[in-house]
Amino acid sequence: MKPLLRSVNSAGSWSARTSWLSLFASSGTLLCCALPALLVALGAGAALSSLVAVLPGLVWVSQYKEVVFAFAGLMLVASGVLQWKNRFAPCPTDPALRQTCMRVRKNSARVYLASVATYLAGSWFAFVQPLFY
């Protein structure tokens, strides 16, 4: 019984890990594009220059935003495939383990949706919003 539980938990765990990784990757899109646009729109250009002075890597991320978005998009696709594949994966029959399995599955889906929303917001500020200027 142990190997079955381990394989079920590792499949769900892998799905949850990729959801968190995709959230991390898509939050990079916000750092490169949405945060600077928001600060400038609020008239906080001095705060943006201070942020760039403290985090010089922010300029690199903004400069190579296509690579950042491509990586984040690939992570979202991989996470989405795992979410889709594991949506009806069996959970253990023990009630406590089943509740944990279902909770992890639900939280993983929420994190994935937050990742997609973050990615779309970053895409808007990086590629669509500049077309209006």
N, C-alpha and C. Protein backbone atom coordinates (compact mmCIF):
# COMPACT_ATOMS: atom_id res chain seq x y z
N MET A 1 0.82 -1.19 0.00
CA MET A 1 0.00 0.00 0.00
C MET A 1 0.86 1.26 0.00
N LYS A 2 2.01 1.21 0.61
CA LYS A 2 2.89 2.37 0.66
C LYS A 2 3.32 2.86 -0.72
N PRO A 3 3.77 1.98 -1.66
CA PRO A 3 4.20 2.48 -2.96
C PRO A 3 3.07 3.17 -3.71
N LEU A 4 1.84 2.70 -3.58
CA LEU A 4 0.71 3.33 -4.25
C LEU A 4 0.50 4.73 -3.70
N LEU A 5 0.50 4.86 -2.37
CA LEU A 5 0.33 6.18 -1.78
C LEU A 5 1.46 7.11 -2.17
N ARG A 6 2.66 6.60 -2.22
CA ARG A 6 3.79 7.43 -2.59
C ARG A 6 3.66 7.91 -4.03
N SER A 7 3.21 7.04 -4.95
CA SER A 7 3.08 7.44 -6.34
C SER A 7 1.95 8.43 -6.53
N VAL A 8 0.84 8.25 -5.81
CA VAL A 8 -0.26 9.20 -5.91
C VAL A 8 0.16 10.54 -5.34
N ASN A 9 0.79 10.53 -4.19
CA ASN A 9 1.22 11.78 -3.58
C ASN A 9 2.30 12.47 -4.41
N SER A 10 3.19 11.72 -5.04
CA SER A 10 4.23 12.36 -5.83
C SER A 10 3.66 12.98 -7.09
N ALA A 11 2.62 12.38 -7.68
CA ALA A 11 1.99 12.98 -8.85
C ALA A 11 1.31 14.29 -8.49
N GLY A 12 0.58 14.30 -7.38
CA GLY A 12 -0.06 15.53 -6.93
C GLY A 12 0.94 16.56 -6.48
N SER A 13 1.99 16.08 -5.83
CA SER A 13 3.03 16.98 -5.36
C SER A 13 3.76 17.63 -6.54
N TRP A 14 4.02 16.85 -7.58
CA TRP A 14 4.69 17.40 -8.76
C TRP A 14 3.82 18.46 -9.42
N SER A 15 2.53 18.23 -9.48
CA SER A 15 1.61 19.21 -10.04
C SER A 15 1.61 20.49 -9.22
N ALA A 16 1.61 20.34 -7.90
CA ALA A 16 1.63 21.52 -7.02
C ALA A 16 2.95 22.27 -7.17
N ARG A 17 4.04 21.54 -7.28
CA ARG A 17 5.34 22.20 -7.43
C ARG A 17 5.43 22.98 -8.73
N THR A 18 4.92 22.41 -9.82
CA THR A 18 4.97 23.15 -11.08
C THR A 18 4.05 24.36 -11.05
N SER A 19 2.95 24.28 -10.29
CA SER A 19 2.08 25.46 -10.16
C SER A 19 2.81 26.59 -9.45
N TRP A 20 3.53 26.26 -8.39
CA TRP A 20 4.29 27.29 -7.69
C TRP A 20 5.43 27.82 -8.54
N LEU A 21 6.07 26.94 -9.30
CA LEU A 21 7.15 27.37 -10.18
C LEU A 21 6.62 28.27 -11.29
N SER A 22 5.45 27.96 -11.81
CA SER A 22 4.87 28.81 -12.85
C SER A 22 4.46 30.17 -12.27
N LEU A 23 4.01 30.18 -11.01
CA LEU A 23 3.69 31.46 -10.37
C LEU A 23 4.96 32.29 -10.21
N PHE A 24 6.04 31.66 -9.82
CA PHE A 24 7.32 32.36 -9.70
C PHE A 24 7.77 32.91 -11.05
N ALA A 25 7.65 32.09 -12.09
CA ALA A 25 8.08 32.52 -13.42
C ALA A 25 7.20 33.65 -13.94
N SER A 26 5.90 33.54 -13.73
CA SER A 26 5.02 34.59 -14.24
C SER A 26 5.11 35.87 -13.42
N SER A 27 5.52 35.77 -12.16
CA SER A 27 5.72 37.00 -11.39
C SER A 27 6.92 37.77 -11.91
N GLY A 28 7.84 37.10 -12.57
CA GLY A 28 8.95 37.80 -13.22
C GLY A 28 8.47 38.71 -14.33
N THR A 29 7.35 38.35 -14.95
CA THR A 29 6.79 39.21 -15.99
C THR A 29 6.23 40.49 -15.39
N LEU A 30 5.72 40.40 -14.17
CA LEU A 30 5.24 41.61 -13.51
C LEU A 30 6.39 42.52 -13.12
N LEU A 31 7.49 41.92 -12.68
CA LEU A 31 8.64 42.73 -12.29
C LEU A 31 9.24 43.48 -13.47
N CYS A 32 9.26 42.83 -14.64
CA CYS A 32 9.91 43.48 -15.77
C CYS A 32 9.04 44.56 -16.40
N CYS A 33 7.75 44.40 -16.33
CA CYS A 33 6.92 45.28 -17.15
C CYS A 33 5.81 46.00 -16.37
N ALA A 34 5.07 45.30 -15.56
CA ALA A 34 3.92 45.92 -14.89
C ALA A 34 4.34 46.86 -13.77
N LEU A 35 5.31 46.44 -12.97
CA LEU A 35 5.75 47.28 -11.85
C LEU A 35 6.34 48.61 -12.33
N PRO A 36 7.26 48.62 -13.30
CA PRO A 36 7.75 49.91 -13.79
C PRO A 36 6.64 50.78 -14.40
N ALA A 37 5.73 50.18 -15.15
CA ALA A 37 4.64 50.95 -15.74
C ALA A 37 3.74 51.54 -14.66
N LEU A 38 3.46 50.77 -13.61
CA LEU A 38 2.63 51.26 -12.52
C LEU A 38 3.30 52.41 -11.79
N LEU A 39 4.59 52.27 -11.51
CA LEU A 39 5.30 53.33 -10.80
C LEU A 39 5.35 54.61 -11.62
N VAL A 40 5.58 54.51 -12.91
CA VAL A 40 5.62 55.69 -13.76
C VAL A 40 4.23 56.32 -13.87
N ALA A 41 3.20 55.48 -13.99
CA ALA A 41 1.84 55.99 -14.09
C ALA A 41 1.41 56.72 -12.82
N LEU A 42 1.92 56.28 -11.68
CA LEU A 42 1.59 56.94 -10.41
C LEU A 42 2.48 58.15 -10.14
N GLY A 43 3.39 58.44 -11.05
CA GLY A 43 4.28 59.57 -10.86
C GLY A 43 5.42 59.28 -9.92
N ALA A 44 5.76 58.02 -9.78
CA ALA A 44 6.82 57.63 -8.86
C ALA A 44 8.07 57.23 -9.63
N GLY A 45 8.49 58.07 -10.56
CA GLY A 45 9.69 57.79 -11.34
C GLY A 45 10.93 57.72 -10.48
N ALA A 46 10.97 58.54 -9.42
CA ALA A 46 12.12 58.51 -8.51
C ALA A 46 12.17 57.17 -7.77
N ALA A 47 11.01 56.65 -7.40
CA ALA A 47 10.98 55.34 -6.74
C ALA A 47 11.45 54.25 -7.70
N LEU A 48 11.08 54.39 -8.98
CA LEU A 48 11.53 53.42 -9.97
C LEU A 48 13.04 53.48 -10.15
N SER A 49 13.60 54.69 -10.20
CA SER A 49 15.06 54.80 -10.35
C SER A 49 15.77 54.25 -9.11
N SER A 50 15.20 54.44 -7.94
CA SER A 50 15.79 53.85 -6.73
C SER A 50 15.71 52.34 -6.77
N LEU A 51 14.59 51.82 -7.27
CA LEU A 51 14.43 50.37 -7.38
C LEU A 51 15.44 49.78 -8.35
N VAL A 52 15.67 50.47 -9.46
CA VAL A 52 16.65 50.00 -10.44
C VAL A 52 18.06 50.09 -9.87
N ALA A 53 18.33 51.10 -9.05
CA ALA A 53 19.65 51.21 -8.43
C ALA A 53 19.89 50.08 -7.43
N VAL A 54 18.84 49.67 -6.72
CA VAL A 54 18.98 48.60 -5.74
C VAL A 54 18.99 47.24 -6.42
N LEU A 55 18.17 47.06 -7.44
CA LEU A 55 18.06 45.79 -8.17
C LEU A 55 18.48 46.00 -9.63
N PRO A 56 19.77 46.01 -9.92
CA PRO A 56 20.19 46.26 -11.30
C PRO A 56 19.78 45.14 -12.25
N GLY A 57 19.48 43.97 -11.74
CA GLY A 57 19.01 42.88 -12.58
C GLY A 57 17.66 43.16 -13.20
N LEU A 58 16.93 44.11 -12.64
CA LEU A 58 15.63 44.49 -13.18
C LEU A 58 15.76 45.04 -14.59
N VAL A 59 16.84 45.73 -14.86
CA VAL A 59 17.07 46.25 -16.21
C VAL A 59 17.29 45.11 -17.19
N TRP A 60 18.05 44.09 -16.77
CA TRP A 60 18.28 42.93 -17.64
C TRP A 60 16.98 42.21 -17.92
N VAL A 61 16.15 42.04 -16.90
CA VAL A 61 14.87 41.35 -17.09
C VAL A 61 13.99 42.15 -18.05
N SER A 62 13.99 43.46 -17.92
CA SER A 62 13.20 44.29 -18.83
C SER A 62 13.77 44.27 -20.25
N GLN A 63 15.07 44.21 -20.35
CA GLN A 63 15.71 44.21 -21.66
C GLN A 63 15.42 42.92 -22.42
N TYR A 64 15.37 41.80 -21.73
CA TYR A 64 15.12 40.51 -22.36
C TYR A 64 13.73 39.98 -22.00
N LYS A 65 12.74 40.85 -22.10
CA LYS A 65 11.40 40.45 -21.68
C LYS A 65 10.81 39.35 -22.55
N GLU A 66 11.22 39.25 -23.80
CA GLU A 66 10.70 38.18 -24.65
C GLU A 66 11.12 36.81 -24.12
N VAL A 67 12.38 36.72 -23.66
CA VAL A 67 12.88 35.46 -23.09
C VAL A 67 12.15 35.15 -21.79
N VAL A 68 11.94 36.16 -20.96
CA VAL A 68 11.24 35.97 -19.69
C VAL A 68 9.81 35.48 -19.95
N PHE A 69 9.14 36.10 -20.92
CA PHE A 69 7.77 35.69 -21.22
C PHE A 69 7.72 34.31 -21.86
N ALA A 70 8.70 33.99 -22.68
CA ALA A 70 8.71 32.66 -23.29
C ALA A 70 8.92 31.59 -22.22
N PHE A 71 9.85 31.81 -21.29
CA PHE A 71 10.08 30.85 -20.21
C PHE A 71 8.83 30.71 -19.34
N ALA A 72 8.24 31.84 -18.97
CA ALA A 72 7.04 31.79 -18.13
C ALA A 72 5.90 31.09 -18.87
N GLY A 73 5.77 31.35 -20.16
CA GLY A 73 4.73 30.68 -20.94
C GLY A 73 4.93 29.17 -21.00
N LEU A 74 6.19 28.75 -21.19
CA LEU A 74 6.48 27.31 -21.19
C LEU A 74 6.17 26.68 -19.84
N MET A 75 6.50 27.37 -18.78
CA MET A 75 6.19 26.84 -17.44
C MET A 75 4.68 26.76 -17.23
N LEU A 76 3.95 27.75 -17.72
CA LEU A 76 2.49 27.71 -17.58
C LEU A 76 1.89 26.57 -18.39
N VAL A 77 2.40 26.34 -19.58
CA VAL A 77 1.90 25.23 -20.39
C VAL A 77 2.20 23.90 -19.71
N ALA A 78 3.41 23.73 -19.21
CA ALA A 78 3.77 22.48 -18.53
C ALA A 78 2.91 22.27 -17.29
N SER A 79 2.72 23.32 -16.53
CA SER A 79 1.89 23.20 -15.33
C SER A 79 0.43 22.94 -15.69
N GLY A 80 -0.05 23.58 -16.75
CA GLY A 80 -1.42 23.34 -17.19
C GLY A 80 -1.64 21.92 -17.65
N VAL A 81 -0.66 21.36 -18.36
CA VAL A 81 -0.77 19.97 -18.81
C VAL A 81 -0.82 19.04 -17.61
N LEU A 82 0.03 19.28 -16.61
CA LEU A 82 0.01 18.44 -15.41
C LEU A 82 -1.28 18.62 -14.62
N GLN A 83 -1.79 19.84 -14.56
CA GLN A 83 -3.07 20.07 -13.89
C GLN A 83 -4.18 19.30 -14.59
N TRP A 84 -4.21 19.36 -15.90
CA TRP A 84 -5.24 18.67 -16.68
C TRP A 84 -5.12 17.15 -16.53
N LYS A 85 -3.88 16.68 -16.57
CA LYS A 85 -3.63 15.24 -16.49
C LYS A 85 -4.02 14.68 -15.12
N ASN A 86 -3.79 15.44 -14.06
CA ASN A 86 -4.04 14.96 -12.70
C ASN A 86 -5.39 15.38 -12.14
N ARG A 87 -6.26 15.96 -12.93
CA ARG A 87 -7.52 16.45 -12.38
C ARG A 87 -8.41 15.35 -11.84
N PHE A 88 -8.33 14.15 -12.38
CA PHE A 88 -9.12 13.03 -11.89
C PHE A 88 -8.25 11.90 -11.37
N ALA A 89 -7.02 12.21 -10.98
CA ALA A 89 -6.13 11.19 -10.44
C ALA A 89 -6.71 10.67 -9.13
N PRO A 90 -6.53 9.40 -8.85
CA PRO A 90 -7.12 8.84 -7.63
C PRO A 90 -6.42 9.37 -6.38
N CYS A 91 -7.23 9.56 -5.35
CA CYS A 91 -6.72 9.94 -4.05
C CYS A 91 -6.80 8.72 -3.14
N PRO A 92 -6.05 8.71 -2.05
CA PRO A 92 -6.11 7.57 -1.12
C PRO A 92 -7.52 7.39 -0.55
N THR A 93 -7.82 6.18 -0.11
CA THR A 93 -9.14 5.89 0.44
C THR A 93 -9.27 6.31 1.90
N ASP A 94 -8.15 6.48 2.59
CA ASP A 94 -8.19 6.96 3.97
C ASP A 94 -8.78 8.37 3.97
N PRO A 95 -9.81 8.64 4.80
CA PRO A 95 -10.48 9.95 4.76
C PRO A 95 -9.55 11.14 4.99
N ALA A 96 -8.62 11.01 5.92
CA ALA A 96 -7.72 12.14 6.19
C ALA A 96 -6.79 12.39 5.01
N LEU A 97 -6.25 11.33 4.46
CA LEU A 97 -5.37 11.48 3.30
C LEU A 97 -6.14 11.96 2.08
N ARG A 98 -7.37 11.51 1.94
CA ARG A 98 -8.20 11.96 0.82
C ARG A 98 -8.47 13.46 0.91
N GLN A 99 -8.78 13.95 2.11
CA GLN A 99 -9.01 15.38 2.31
C GLN A 99 -7.76 16.18 1.97
N THR A 100 -6.62 15.69 2.39
CA THR A 100 -5.37 16.37 2.09
C THR A 100 -5.11 16.38 0.59
N CYS A 101 -5.36 15.26 -0.05
CA CYS A 101 -5.17 15.15 -1.50
C CYS A 101 -6.07 16.14 -2.24
N MET A 102 -7.33 16.20 -1.84
CA MET A 102 -8.27 17.11 -2.50
C MET A 102 -7.91 18.58 -2.23
N ARG A 103 -7.46 18.86 -1.00
CA ARG A 103 -7.08 20.23 -0.67
C ARG A 103 -5.87 20.67 -1.48
N VAL A 104 -4.87 19.78 -1.61
CA VAL A 104 -3.68 20.10 -2.40
C VAL A 104 -4.06 20.31 -3.86
N ARG A 105 -4.94 19.48 -4.38
CA ARG A 105 -5.38 19.61 -5.77
C ARG A 105 -6.10 20.94 -6.00
N LYS A 106 -6.97 21.32 -5.05
CA LYS A 106 -7.71 22.57 -5.17
C LYS A 106 -6.78 23.78 -5.06
N ASN A 107 -5.85 23.73 -4.09
CA ASN A 107 -4.89 24.83 -3.94
C ASN A 107 -3.98 24.94 -5.15
N SER A 108 -3.60 23.82 -5.71
CA SER A 108 -2.75 23.83 -6.89
C SER A 108 -3.47 24.49 -8.06
N ALA A 109 -4.75 24.22 -8.21
CA ALA A 109 -5.53 24.86 -9.28
C ALA A 109 -5.63 26.37 -9.05
N ARG A 110 -5.80 26.77 -7.82
CA ARG A 110 -5.87 28.21 -7.51
C ARG A 110 -4.56 28.91 -7.81
N VAL A 111 -3.46 28.29 -7.44
CA VAL A 111 -2.15 28.87 -7.71
C VAL A 111 -1.92 28.96 -9.22
N TYR A 112 -2.36 27.94 -9.94
CA TYR A 112 -2.21 27.96 -11.40
C TYR A 112 -3.01 29.11 -12.01
N LEU A 113 -4.24 29.30 -11.56
CA LEU A 113 -5.06 30.40 -12.08
C LEU A 113 -4.45 31.75 -11.73
N ALA A 114 -3.87 31.88 -10.54
CA ALA A 114 -3.17 33.12 -10.18
C ALA A 114 -1.96 33.33 -11.09
N SER A 115 -1.29 32.26 -11.45
CA SER A 115 -0.14 32.36 -12.36
C SER A 115 -0.57 32.85 -13.73
N VAL A 116 -1.68 32.31 -14.22
CA VAL A 116 -2.18 32.73 -15.54
C VAL A 116 -2.60 34.20 -15.49
N ALA A 117 -3.27 34.61 -14.43
CA ALA A 117 -3.67 36.01 -14.30
C ALA A 117 -2.46 36.93 -14.23
N THR A 118 -1.44 36.52 -13.51
CA THR A 118 -0.21 37.31 -13.41
C THR A 118 0.48 37.42 -14.77
N TYR A 119 0.52 36.31 -15.48
CA TYR A 119 1.13 36.28 -16.81
C TYR A 119 0.37 37.21 -17.77
N LEU A 120 -0.94 37.16 -17.73
CA LEU A 120 -1.74 38.02 -18.62
C LEU A 120 -1.58 39.49 -18.27
N ALA A 121 -1.50 39.80 -16.99
CA ALA A 121 -1.28 41.20 -16.59
C ALA A 121 0.09 41.69 -17.07
N GLY A 122 1.09 40.87 -16.89
CA GLY A 122 2.43 41.23 -17.37
C GLY A 122 2.46 41.37 -18.89
N SER A 123 1.76 40.49 -19.59
CA SER A 123 1.70 40.57 -21.06
C SER A 123 1.04 41.86 -21.51
N TRP A 124 0.00 42.25 -20.81
CA TRP A 124 -0.69 43.49 -21.16
C TRP A 124 0.28 44.67 -21.08
N PHE A 125 0.99 44.78 -19.96
CA PHE A 125 1.88 45.91 -19.77
C PHE A 125 3.13 45.84 -20.65
N ALA A 126 3.55 44.65 -21.03
CA ALA A 126 4.77 44.52 -21.82
C ALA A 126 4.53 44.72 -23.30
N PHE A 127 3.42 44.19 -23.82
CA PHE A 127 3.25 44.15 -25.26
C PHE A 127 2.05 44.93 -25.78
N VAL A 128 0.96 44.99 -25.05
CA VAL A 128 -0.25 45.64 -25.55
C VAL A 128 -0.29 47.12 -25.18
N GLN A 129 -0.04 47.44 -23.92
CA GLN A 129 -0.10 48.82 -23.45
C GLN A 129 0.82 49.75 -24.24
N PRO A 130 2.06 49.36 -24.58
CA PRO A 130 2.91 50.29 -25.35
C PRO A 130 2.36 50.64 -26.73
N LEU A 131 1.46 49.85 -27.27
CA LEU A 131 0.87 50.16 -28.56
C LEU A 131 -0.05 51.36 -28.51
N PHE A 132 -0.53 51.74 -27.32
CA PHE A 132 -1.44 52.86 -27.18
C PHE A 132 -0.72 54.20 -27.04
N TYR A 133 0.60 54.19 -26.97
CA TYR A 133 1.33 55.45 -26.81
C TYR A 133 1.71 56.01 -28.13
